Amino acid sequence: MTDNVENLILEMLRRIDKRLDNIEGDVSELKTRATAVDEHIGGMFITLSGVNTRLDRLDERMKRVERRLELSEAR
């Protein structure tokens, strides 16, 4: 009887160990993917910043053109 209980416990521990190995692999993959997402979002912020800078410059140029052509209200 004692051997059966020990074998049952060992079998359960093996199953638990196998499942933990699977979970460990999944967590590792999720960490890698989360890092990639973070890097992608960081790149998007840099790109957005560049677009905003270009829009600001275009806005200034447009204001100068309007002033030269006397299309804007006097300020």
Protein backbone atom coordinates (compact mmCIF):
# COMPACT_ATOMS: atom_id res chain seq x y z
CA MET A 1 0.00 0.00 0.00
CA THR A 2 2.82 2.37 0.89
CA ASP A 3 4.47 1.78 -2.50
CA ASN A 4 1.25 2.67 -4.30
CA VAL A 5 0.91 5.92 -2.38
CA GLU A 6 4.55 6.83 -3.06
CA ASN A 7 4.18 6.01 -6.75
CA LEU A 8 0.99 8.05 -6.93
CA ILE A 9 2.69 11.01 -5.24
CA LEU A 10 5.72 10.74 -7.54
CA GLU A 11 3.45 10.59 -10.60
CA MET A 12 1.56 13.67 -9.44
CA LEU A 13 4.84 15.53 -8.80
CA ARG A 14 6.04 14.63 -12.28
CA ARG A 15 2.82 15.99 -13.79
CA ILE A 16 3.14 19.18 -11.76
CA ASP A 17 6.77 19.53 -12.84
CA LYS A 18 5.84 19.09 -16.50
CA ARG A 19 3.06 21.67 -16.24
CA LEU A 20 5.40 24.12 -14.50
CA ASP A 21 7.91 23.68 -17.34
CA ASN A 22 5.16 24.56 -19.83
CA ILE A 23 4.14 27.59 -17.79
CA GLU A 24 7.77 28.71 -17.51
CA GLY A 25 8.12 28.55 -21.30
CA ASP A 26 4.89 30.50 -21.80
CA VAL A 27 5.96 33.22 -19.35
CA SER A 28 9.32 33.53 -21.07
CA GLU A 29 7.59 33.95 -24.44
CA LEU A 30 5.21 36.54 -22.99
CA LYS A 31 8.14 38.53 -21.58
CA THR A 32 9.79 38.56 -25.00
CA ARG A 33 6.59 39.67 -26.68
CA ALA A 34 5.94 42.37 -24.05
CA THR A 35 9.44 43.74 -24.63
CA ALA A 36 8.80 43.86 -28.38
CA VAL A 37 5.52 45.72 -27.80
CA ASP A 38 7.26 48.23 -25.52
CA GLU A 39 9.94 48.85 -28.15
CA HIS A 40 7.31 49.28 -30.85
CA ILE A 41 5.33 51.77 -28.77
CA GLY A 42 8.53 53.71 -28.04
CA GLY A 43 9.24 53.88 -31.76
CA MET A 44 5.73 55.14 -32.41
CA PHE A 45 6.19 57.96 -29.88
CA ILE A 46 9.45 58.99 -31.56
CA THR A 47 7.75 58.96 -34.97
CA LEU A 48 4.80 60.96 -33.64
CA SER A 49 7.17 63.51 -32.16
CA GLY A 50 8.85 63.92 -35.55
CA VAL A 51 5.49 64.36 -37.28
CA ASN A 52 4.46 67.01 -34.75
CA THR A 53 7.72 68.88 -35.31
CA ARG A 54 7.18 68.86 -39.07
CA LEU A 55 3.58 70.07 -38.66
CA ASP A 56 4.75 72.91 -36.42
CA ARG A 57 7.27 74.00 -39.06
CA LEU A 58 4.63 73.80 -41.80
CA ASP A 59 2.27 75.88 -39.69
CA GLU A 60 4.90 78.58 -39.28
CA ARG A 61 5.67 78.57 -43.00
CA MET A 62 1.98 78.84 -43.84
CA LYS A 63 1.59 81.81 -41.51
CA ARG A 64 4.51 83.55 -43.25
CA VAL A 65 2.98 82.88 -46.67
CA GLU A 66 -0.38 84.23 -45.55
CA ARG A 67 1.26 87.37 -44.16
CA ARG A 68 3.22 87.97 -47.37
CA LEU A 69 0.13 87.51 -49.50
CA GLU A 70 -1.89 89.57 -47.05
CA LEU A 71 -4.37 86.74 -46.62
CA SER A 72 -4.36 86.79 -42.84
CA GLU A 73 -5.89 89.33 -40.54
CA ALA A 74 -3.57 92.10 -39.36
CA ARG A 75 -2.05 91.36 -35.98
